[in-house]
């Protein structure tokens, strides 16, 4: 591969890139109202998206961070709406505490039932997850219909998620589904508007799992 004469190779070591990026994010974001537990999630989402507007639009239920960290440390499952979300989650930190990442969107029974009932796989995958994984962390970055179905089930008492990370991206029902989520008094992390997506919710989960590992290590040190 040939480069122009003005090309300058990157001299920063790979392990330093993330640290430098986080420093730049902190400088550019400036003042904010996020607390010490929430900010790592904001920071990683901005790092993943390079979108400060998205970062500033994040909304945290008051119990969201504590609920998410507790769910990870208790080994509760993480339910993703699509495979792309599953692929991006740092599973070794989830497995460390006995948890696993599940996604039902392509399960044969879900696909067959969706065709038979003339509904979306996202809706039926959400119903299946709620029946099998009460108290889990539900991570929705792509399917507003999944988030709306989860909200409906919560309102009816048929679902008791430990935490909802709901940031579907898109134009049809994406912003509206997040608005409905913000009306619930259960732990959630979401944002205002149409932005979101797989990389965004993955960043939130990975930030949570890092905080969980840190909390566990601090508890271990205090007990010794």
C-alpha atoms as a PDB file:
ATOM      1  CA  UNK A   1       0.000   0.000   0.000  1.00  0.00           C
ATOM      2  CA  UNK A   2       1.331   3.418  -0.946  1.00  0.00           C
ATOM      3  CA  UNK A   3       0.727   6.651   0.968  1.00  0.00           C
ATOM      4  CA  UNK A   4       1.189  10.271   0.002  1.00  0.00           C
ATOM      5  CA  UNK A   5       4.358  12.075   0.967  1.00  0.00           C
ATOM      6  CA  UNK A   6       2.516  13.983   3.704  1.00  0.00           C
ATOM      7  CA  UNK A   7       1.293  10.800   5.433  1.00  0.00           C
ATOM      8  CA  UNK A   8       2.427  10.466   9.045  1.00  0.00           C
ATOM      9  CA  UNK A   9       2.067   7.058  10.703  1.00  0.00           C
ATOM     10  CA  UNK A  10       0.240   6.783  14.016  1.00  0.00           C
ATOM     11  CA  UNK A  11       2.807   6.935  16.810  1.00  0.00           C
ATOM     12  CA  UNK A  12       0.437   6.307  19.717  1.00  0.00           C
ATOM     13  CA  UNK A  13       0.625   2.789  21.138  1.00  0.00           C
ATOM     14  CA  UNK A  14      -2.610   0.795  20.709  1.00  0.00           C
ATOM     15  CA  UNK A  15      -3.176   0.490  24.466  1.00  0.00           C
ATOM     16  CA  UNK A  16      -2.969   4.265  24.785  1.00  0.00           C
ATOM     17  CA  UNK A  17      -5.592   5.067  22.152  1.00  0.00           C
ATOM     18  CA  UNK A  18      -8.591   4.377  24.392  1.00  0.00           C
ATOM     19  CA  UNK A  19      -7.122   6.374  27.254  1.00  0.00           C
ATOM     20  CA  UNK A  20      -6.380   9.343  24.987  1.00  0.00           C
ATOM     21  CA  UNK A  21      -9.854   9.094  23.466  1.00  0.00           C
ATOM     22  CA  UNK A  22     -11.465   9.181  26.904  1.00  0.00           C
ATOM     23  CA  UNK A  23      -9.425  12.243  27.843  1.00  0.00           C
ATOM     24  CA  UNK A  24     -10.552  13.997  24.664  1.00  0.00           C
ATOM     25  CA  UNK A  25     -14.178  13.061  25.340  1.00  0.00           C
ATOM     26  CA  UNK A  26     -14.009  14.463  28.865  1.00  0.00           C
ATOM     27  CA  UNK A  27     -12.526  17.740  27.618  1.00  0.00           C
ATOM     28  CA  UNK A  28     -14.990  18.153  24.769  1.00  0.00           C
ATOM     29  CA  UNK A  29     -18.086  17.080  26.708  1.00  0.00           C
ATOM     30  CA  UNK A  30     -17.429  19.691  29.386  1.00  0.00           C
ATOM     31  CA  UNK A  31     -19.899  20.191  32.207  1.00  0.00           C
ATOM     32  CA  UNK A  32     -22.646  17.617  32.672  1.00  0.00           C
ATOM     33  CA  UNK A  33     -25.076  16.302  35.280  1.00  0.00           C
ATOM     34  CA  UNK A  34     -24.111  12.613  35.142  1.00  0.00           C
ATOM     35  CA  UNK A  35     -22.905  11.063  38.376  1.00  0.00           C
ATOM     36  CA  UNK A  36     -19.743   9.008  38.897  1.00  0.00           C
ATOM     37  CA  UNK A  37     -21.434   5.693  38.086  1.00  0.00           C
ATOM     38  CA  UNK A  38     -23.353   6.986  35.068  1.00  0.00           C
ATOM     39  CA  UNK A  39     -20.460   8.817  33.429  1.00  0.00           C
ATOM     40  CA  UNK A  40     -18.472   5.697  32.369  1.00  0.00           C
ATOM     41  CA  UNK A  41     -21.545   4.586  30.388  1.00  0.00           C
ATOM     42  CA  UNK A  42     -21.838   8.017  28.762  1.00  0.00           C
ATOM     43  CA  UNK A  43     -18.128   8.042  27.997  1.00  0.00           C
ATOM     44  CA  UNK A  44     -18.119   4.607  26.351  1.00  0.00           C
ATOM     45  CA  UNK A  45     -21.205   5.403  24.300  1.00  0.00           C
ATOM     46  CA  UNK A  46     -19.582   8.576  22.973  1.00  0.00           C
ATOM     47  CA  UNK A  47     -16.386   6.605  22.338  1.00  0.00           C
ATOM     48  CA  UNK A  48     -18.335   4.016  20.340  1.00  0.00           C
ATOM     49  CA  UNK A  49     -20.374   6.528  18.331  1.00  0.00           C
ATOM     50  CA  UNK A  50     -18.270   9.721  18.249  1.00  0.00           C
ATOM     51  CA  UNK A  51     -21.600  11.429  18.918  1.00  0.00           C
ATOM     52  CA  UNK A  52     -21.669  13.953  21.758  1.00  0.00           C
ATOM     53  CA  UNK A  53     -25.292  14.837  21.101  1.00  0.00           C
ATOM     54  CA  UNK A  54     -26.217  11.209  21.694  1.00  0.00           C
ATOM     55  CA  UNK A  55     -24.141  11.124  24.869  1.00  0.00           C
ATOM     56  CA  UNK A  56     -25.800  14.227  26.260  1.00  0.00           C
ATOM     57  CA  UNK A  57     -29.253  12.790  25.483  1.00  0.00           C
ATOM     58  CA  UNK A  58     -28.808   9.745  27.744  1.00  0.00           C
ATOM     59  CA  UNK A  59     -31.349   9.280  30.523  1.00  0.00           C
ATOM     60  CA  UNK A  60     -30.808   7.062  33.571  1.00  0.00           C
ATOM     61  CA  UNK A  61     -33.458   5.851  35.957  1.00  0.00           C
ATOM     62  CA  UNK A  62     -32.233   6.601  39.505  1.00  0.00           C
ATOM     63  CA  UNK A  63     -31.777   2.888  40.255  1.00  0.00           C
ATOM     64  CA  UNK A  64     -30.371   1.916  36.851  1.00  0.00           C
ATOM     65  CA  UNK A  65     -26.675   1.652  37.609  1.00  0.00           C
ATOM     66  CA  UNK A  66     -27.039  -0.154  40.923  1.00  0.00           C
ATOM     67  CA  UNK A  67     -29.581  -2.555  39.394  1.00  0.00           C
ATOM     68  CA  UNK A  68     -27.396  -3.326  36.374  1.00  0.00           C
ATOM     69  CA  UNK A  69     -24.239  -3.938  38.388  1.00  0.00           C
ATOM     70  CA  UNK A  70     -26.137  -6.149  40.832  1.00  0.00           C
ATOM     71  CA  UNK A  71     -27.695  -8.159  38.000  1.00  0.00           C
ATOM     72  CA  UNK A  72     -24.275  -8.857  36.478  1.00  0.00           C
ATOM     73  CA  UNK A  73     -22.710  -9.825  39.809  1.00  0.00           C
ATOM     74  CA  UNK A  74     -25.641 -12.155  40.526  1.00  0.00           C
ATOM     75  CA  UNK A  75     -25.146 -13.897  37.172  1.00  0.00           C
ATOM     76  CA  UNK A  76     -28.502 -12.969  35.696  1.00  0.00           C
ATOM     77  CA  UNK A  77     -28.824 -13.389  31.912  1.00  0.00           C
ATOM     78  CA  UNK A  78     -28.457 -10.588  29.417  1.00  0.00           C
ATOM     79  CA  UNK A  79     -31.075 -10.730  26.669  1.00  0.00           C
ATOM     80  CA  UNK A  80     -30.117  -9.022  23.394  1.00  0.00           C
ATOM     81  CA  UNK A  81     -32.587  -8.164  20.657  1.00  0.00           C
ATOM     82  CA  UNK A  82     -30.254  -9.149  17.780  1.00  0.00           C
ATOM     83  CA  UNK A  83     -27.093 -11.167  17.156  1.00  0.00           C
ATOM     84  CA  UNK A  84     -25.050  -8.058  16.456  1.00  0.00           C
ATOM     85  CA  UNK A  85     -25.585  -6.915  20.043  1.00  0.00           C
ATOM     86  CA  UNK A  86     -24.682 -10.358  21.361  1.00  0.00           C
ATOM     87  CA  UNK A  87     -21.465 -10.370  19.309  1.00  0.00           C
ATOM     88  CA  UNK A  88     -20.241  -7.069  20.717  1.00  0.00           C
ATOM     89  CA  UNK A  89     -20.716  -7.774  24.419  1.00  0.00           C
ATOM     90  CA  UNK A  90     -17.544  -8.659  26.353  1.00  0.00           C
ATOM     91  CA  UNK A  91     -18.799 -12.043  27.453  1.00  0.00           C
ATOM     92  CA  UNK A  92     -15.825 -13.066  29.591  1.00  0.00           C
ATOM     93  CA  UNK A  93     -16.844 -10.489  32.201  1.00  0.00           C
ATOM     94  CA  UNK A  94     -20.447 -11.739  32.107  1.00  0.00           C
ATOM     95  CA  UNK A  95     -19.396 -15.378  32.355  1.00  0.00           C
ATOM     96  CA  UNK A  96     -17.102 -14.556  35.288  1.00  0.00           C
ATOM     97  CA  UNK A  97     -20.158 -14.255  37.529  1.00  0.00           C
ATOM     98  CA  UNK A  98     -22.191 -17.055  36.001  1.00  0.00           C
ATOM     99  CA  UNK A  99     -24.183 -15.016  33.503  1.00  0.00           C
ATOM    100  CA  UNK A 100     -24.753 -15.542  29.803  1.00  0.00           C
ATOM    101  CA  UNK A 101     -25.923 -13.559  26.792  1.00  0.00           C
ATOM    102  CA  UNK A 102     -29.074 -14.813  25.078  1.00  0.00           C
ATOM    103  CA  UNK A 103     -30.798 -13.809  21.858  1.00  0.00           C
ATOM    104  CA  UNK A 104     -33.994 -15.429  20.618  1.00  0.00           C
ATOM    105  CA  UNK A 105     -34.678 -13.546  17.378  1.00  0.00           C
ATOM    106  CA  UNK A 106     -33.621 -16.512  15.202  1.00  0.00           C
ATOM    107  CA  UNK A 107     -34.864 -19.364  17.387  1.00  0.00           C
ATOM    108  CA  UNK A 108     -36.817 -21.815  15.171  1.00  0.00           C
ATOM    109  CA  UNK A 109     -39.913 -21.649  17.393  1.00  0.00           C
ATOM    110  CA  UNK A 110     -39.877 -17.840  17.272  1.00  0.00           C
ATOM    111  CA  UNK A 111     -39.477 -17.780  13.480  1.00  0.00           C
ATOM    112  CA  UNK A 112     -42.254 -20.329  12.982  1.00  0.00           C
ATOM    113  CA  UNK A 113     -44.654 -18.589  15.369  1.00  0.00           C
ATOM    114  CA  UNK A 114     -44.010 -15.185  13.798  1.00  0.00           C
ATOM    115  CA  UNK A 115     -44.964 -16.531  10.375  1.00  0.00           C
ATOM    116  CA  UNK A 116     -48.040 -18.280  11.728  1.00  0.00           C
ATOM    117  CA  UNK A 117     -49.264 -15.292  13.707  1.00  0.00           C
ATOM    118  CA  UNK A 118     -48.306 -12.601  11.202  1.00  0.00           C
ATOM    119  CA  UNK A 119     -46.301 -10.650  13.753  1.00  0.00           C
ATOM    120  CA  UNK A 120     -42.649  -9.714  14.181  1.00  0.00           C
ATOM    121  CA  UNK A 121     -39.955 -12.026  15.456  1.00  0.00           C
ATOM    122  CA  UNK A 122     -38.831  -9.238  17.782  1.00  0.00           C
ATOM    123  CA  UNK A 123     -42.164  -9.257  19.603  1.00  0.00           C
ATOM    124  CA  UNK A 124     -42.246 -13.030  20.023  1.00  0.00           C
ATOM    125  CA  UNK A 125     -38.580 -13.182  21.014  1.00  0.00           C
ATOM    126  CA  UNK A 126     -39.323 -10.647  23.744  1.00  0.00           C
ATOM    127  CA  UNK A 127     -42.243 -12.723  25.039  1.00  0.00           C
ATOM    128  CA  UNK A 128     -40.079 -15.835  25.101  1.00  0.00           C
ATOM    129  CA  UNK A 129     -37.299 -14.054  26.973  1.00  0.00           C
ATOM    130  CA  UNK A 130     -39.679 -12.636  29.582  1.00  0.00           C
ATOM    131  CA  UNK A 131     -41.067 -16.104  30.240  1.00  0.00           C
ATOM    132  CA  UNK A 132     -37.614 -17.636  30.627  1.00  0.00           C
ATOM    133  CA  UNK A 133     -35.501 -14.887  32.203  1.00  0.00           C
ATOM    134  CA  UNK A 134     -37.247 -12.808  34.868  1.00  0.00           C
ATOM    135  CA  UNK A 135     -34.877 -10.308  36.406  1.00  0.00           C
ATOM    136  CA  UNK A 136     -32.482 -10.267  33.463  1.00  0.00           C
ATOM    137  CA  UNK A 137     -30.948  -7.296  31.673  1.00  0.00           C
ATOM    138  CA  UNK A 138     -32.816  -6.587  28.431  1.00  0.00           C
ATOM    139  CA  UNK A 139     -30.687  -4.892  25.774  1.00  0.00           C
ATOM    140  CA  UNK A 140     -32.534  -3.422  22.786  1.00  0.00           C
ATOM    141  CA  UNK A 141     -30.668  -1.429  20.164  1.00  0.00           C
ATOM    142  CA  UNK A 142     -32.480  -2.212  16.934  1.00  0.00           C
ATOM    143  CA  UNK A 143     -36.120  -3.208  17.354  1.00  0.00           C
ATOM    144  CA  UNK A 144     -38.567  -0.599  18.685  1.00  0.00           C
ATOM    145  CA  UNK A 145     -41.273  -3.267  18.519  1.00  0.00           C
ATOM    146  CA  UNK A 146     -39.289  -5.352  21.017  1.00  0.00           C
ATOM    147  CA  UNK A 147     -39.033  -2.411  23.395  1.00  0.00           C
ATOM    148  CA  UNK A 148     -42.721  -1.563  23.064  1.00  0.00           C
ATOM    149  CA  UNK A 149     -43.666  -5.196  23.705  1.00  0.00           C
ATOM    150  CA  UNK A 150     -41.409  -5.315  26.759  1.00  0.00           C
ATOM    151  CA  UNK A 151     -43.021  -2.133  28.082  1.00  0.00           C
ATOM    152  CA  UNK A 152     -46.467  -3.649  27.556  1.00  0.00           C
ATOM    153  CA  UNK A 153     -45.494  -6.792  29.428  1.00  0.00           C
ATOM    154  CA  UNK A 154     -44.060  -4.756  32.298  1.00  0.00           C
ATOM    155  CA  UNK A 155     -47.278  -2.756  32.583  1.00  0.00           C
ATOM    156  CA  UNK A 156     -49.315  -5.965  32.650  1.00  0.00           C
ATOM    157  CA  UNK A 157     -47.083  -7.509  35.303  1.00  0.00           C
ATOM    158  CA  UNK A 158     -45.894 -10.237  32.955  1.00  0.00           C
ATOM    159  CA  UNK A 159     -42.261  -9.061  32.940  1.00  0.00           C
ATOM    160  CA  UNK A 160     -39.957  -7.994  35.766  1.00  0.00           C
ATOM    161  CA  UNK A 161     -36.653  -7.011  34.129  1.00  0.00           C
ATOM    162  CA  UNK A 162     -33.745  -6.175  36.360  1.00  0.00           C
ATOM    163  CA  UNK A 163     -32.711  -3.446  33.925  1.00  0.00           C
ATOM    164  CA  UNK A 164     -33.759  -2.311  30.463  1.00  0.00           C
ATOM    165  CA  UNK A 165     -31.130  -0.790  28.200  1.00  0.00           C
ATOM    166  CA  UNK A 166     -33.429   0.505  25.484  1.00  0.00           C
ATOM    167  CA  UNK A 167     -31.930   2.580  22.690  1.00  0.00           C
ATOM    168  CA  UNK A 168     -33.338   1.360  19.371  1.00  0.00           C
ATOM    169  CA  UNK A 169     -32.279   3.397  16.350  1.00  0.00           C
ATOM    170  CA  UNK A 170     -34.586   4.428  13.538  1.00  0.00           C
ATOM    171  CA  UNK A 171     -37.474   6.531  12.322  1.00  0.00           C
ATOM    172  CA  UNK A 172     -40.560   4.400  12.977  1.00  0.00           C
ATOM    173  CA  UNK A 173     -41.425   4.205  16.692  1.00  0.00           C
ATOM    174  CA  UNK A 174     -37.803   4.468  17.861  1.00  0.00           C
ATOM    175  CA  UNK A 175     -38.098   7.812  19.664  1.00  0.00           C
ATOM    176  CA  UNK A 176     -41.650   7.015  20.767  1.00  0.00           C
ATOM    177  CA  UNK A 177     -40.687   3.678  22.323  1.00  0.00           C
ATOM    178  CA  UNK A 178     -37.989   5.377  24.378  1.00  0.00           C
ATOM    179  CA  UNK A 179     -40.434   8.041  25.475  1.00  0.00           C
ATOM    180  CA  UNK A 180     -42.751   5.297  26.746  1.00  0.00           C
ATOM    181  CA  UNK A 181     -39.857   3.615  28.538  1.00  0.00           C
ATOM    182  CA  UNK A 182     -39.060   6.816  30.419  1.00  0.00           C
ATOM    183  CA  UNK A 183     -42.586   6.765  31.879  1.00  0.00           C
ATOM    184  CA  UNK A 184     -41.921   3.493  33.725  1.00  0.00           C
ATOM    185  CA  UNK A 185     -40.660   3.384  37.283  1.00  0.00           C
ATOM    186  CA  UNK A 186     -38.265   0.507  36.743  1.00  0.00           C
ATOM    187  CA  UNK A 187     -34.493   0.631  36.178  1.00  0.00           C
ATOM    188  CA  UNK A 188     -33.647   1.705  32.626  1.00  0.00           C
ATOM    189  CA  UNK A 189     -30.967   3.391  30.546  1.00  0.00           C
ATOM    190  CA  UNK A 190     -32.225   5.109  27.426  1.00  0.00           C
ATOM    191  CA  UNK A 191     -31.877   8.288  25.388  1.00  0.00           C
ATOM    192  CA  UNK A 192     -34.028  10.943  23.831  1.00  0.00           C
ATOM    193  CA  UNK A 193     -34.641  10.852  20.096  1.00  0.00           C
ATOM    194  CA  UNK A 194     -34.039   8.568  17.131  1.00  0.00           C
ATOM    195  CA  UNK A 195     -30.377   7.749  17.683  1.00  0.00           C
ATOM    196  CA  UNK A 196     -29.126   4.498  19.192  1.00  0.00           C
ATOM    197  CA  UNK A 197     -28.177   1.143  17.728  1.00  0.00           C
ATOM    198  CA  UNK A 198     -26.165  -1.997  18.404  1.00  0.00           C
ATOM    199  CA  UNK A 199     -22.833  -0.321  19.120  1.00  0.00           C
ATOM    200  CA  UNK A 200     -24.486   2.071  21.542  1.00  0.00           C
ATOM    201  CA  UNK A 201     -26.196  -0.542  23.712  1.00  0.00           C
ATOM    202  CA  UNK A 202     -23.112  -2.778  23.553  1.00  0.00           C
ATOM    203  CA  UNK A 203     -21.038   0.107  24.911  1.00  0.00           C
ATOM    204  CA  UNK A 204     -23.505   0.512  27.779  1.00  0.00           C
ATOM    205  CA  UNK A 205     -23.364  -3.185  28.700  1.00  0.00           C
ATOM    206  CA  UNK A 206     -19.580  -3.278  28.524  1.00  0.00           C
ATOM    207  CA  UNK A 207     -19.307  -0.202  30.737  1.00  0.00           C
ATOM    208  CA  UNK A 208     -21.644  -1.835  33.247  1.00  0.00           C
ATOM    209  CA  UNK A 209     -19.645  -5.060  33.313  1.00  0.00           C
ATOM    210  CA  UNK A 210     -16.399  -3.148  33.889  1.00  0.00           C
ATOM    211  CA  UNK A 211     -18.018  -1.329  36.803  1.00  0.00           C
ATOM    212  CA  UNK A 212     -19.243  -4.668  38.166  1.00  0.00           C
ATOM    213  CA  UNK A 213     -15.743  -6.137  38.041  1.00  0.00           C
ATOM    214  CA  UNK A 214     -14.356  -3.038  39.767  1.00  0.00           C
ATOM    215  CA  UNK A 215     -17.010  -3.184  42.503  1.00  0.00           C
ATOM    216  CA  UNK A 216     -16.359  -6.866  43.103  1.00  0.00           C
ATOM    217  CA  UNK A 217     -12.614  -6.238  43.371  1.00  0.00           C
ATOM    218  CA  UNK A 218     -13.140  -3.371  45.819  1.00  0.00           C
ATOM    219  CA  UNK A 219     -15.405  -5.535  47.969  1.00  0.00           C
ATOM    220  CA  UNK A 220     -12.807  -8.295  47.915  1.00  0.00           C
ATOM    221  CA  UNK A 221     -10.055  -5.904  49.029  1.00  0.00           C
ATOM    222  CA  UNK A 222     -12.175  -4.528  51.856  1.00  0.00           C
ATOM    223  CA  UNK A 223     -12.921  -8.006  53.179  1.00  0.00           C
ATOM    224  CA  UNK A 224      -9.246  -9.039  53.276  1.00  0.00           C
END
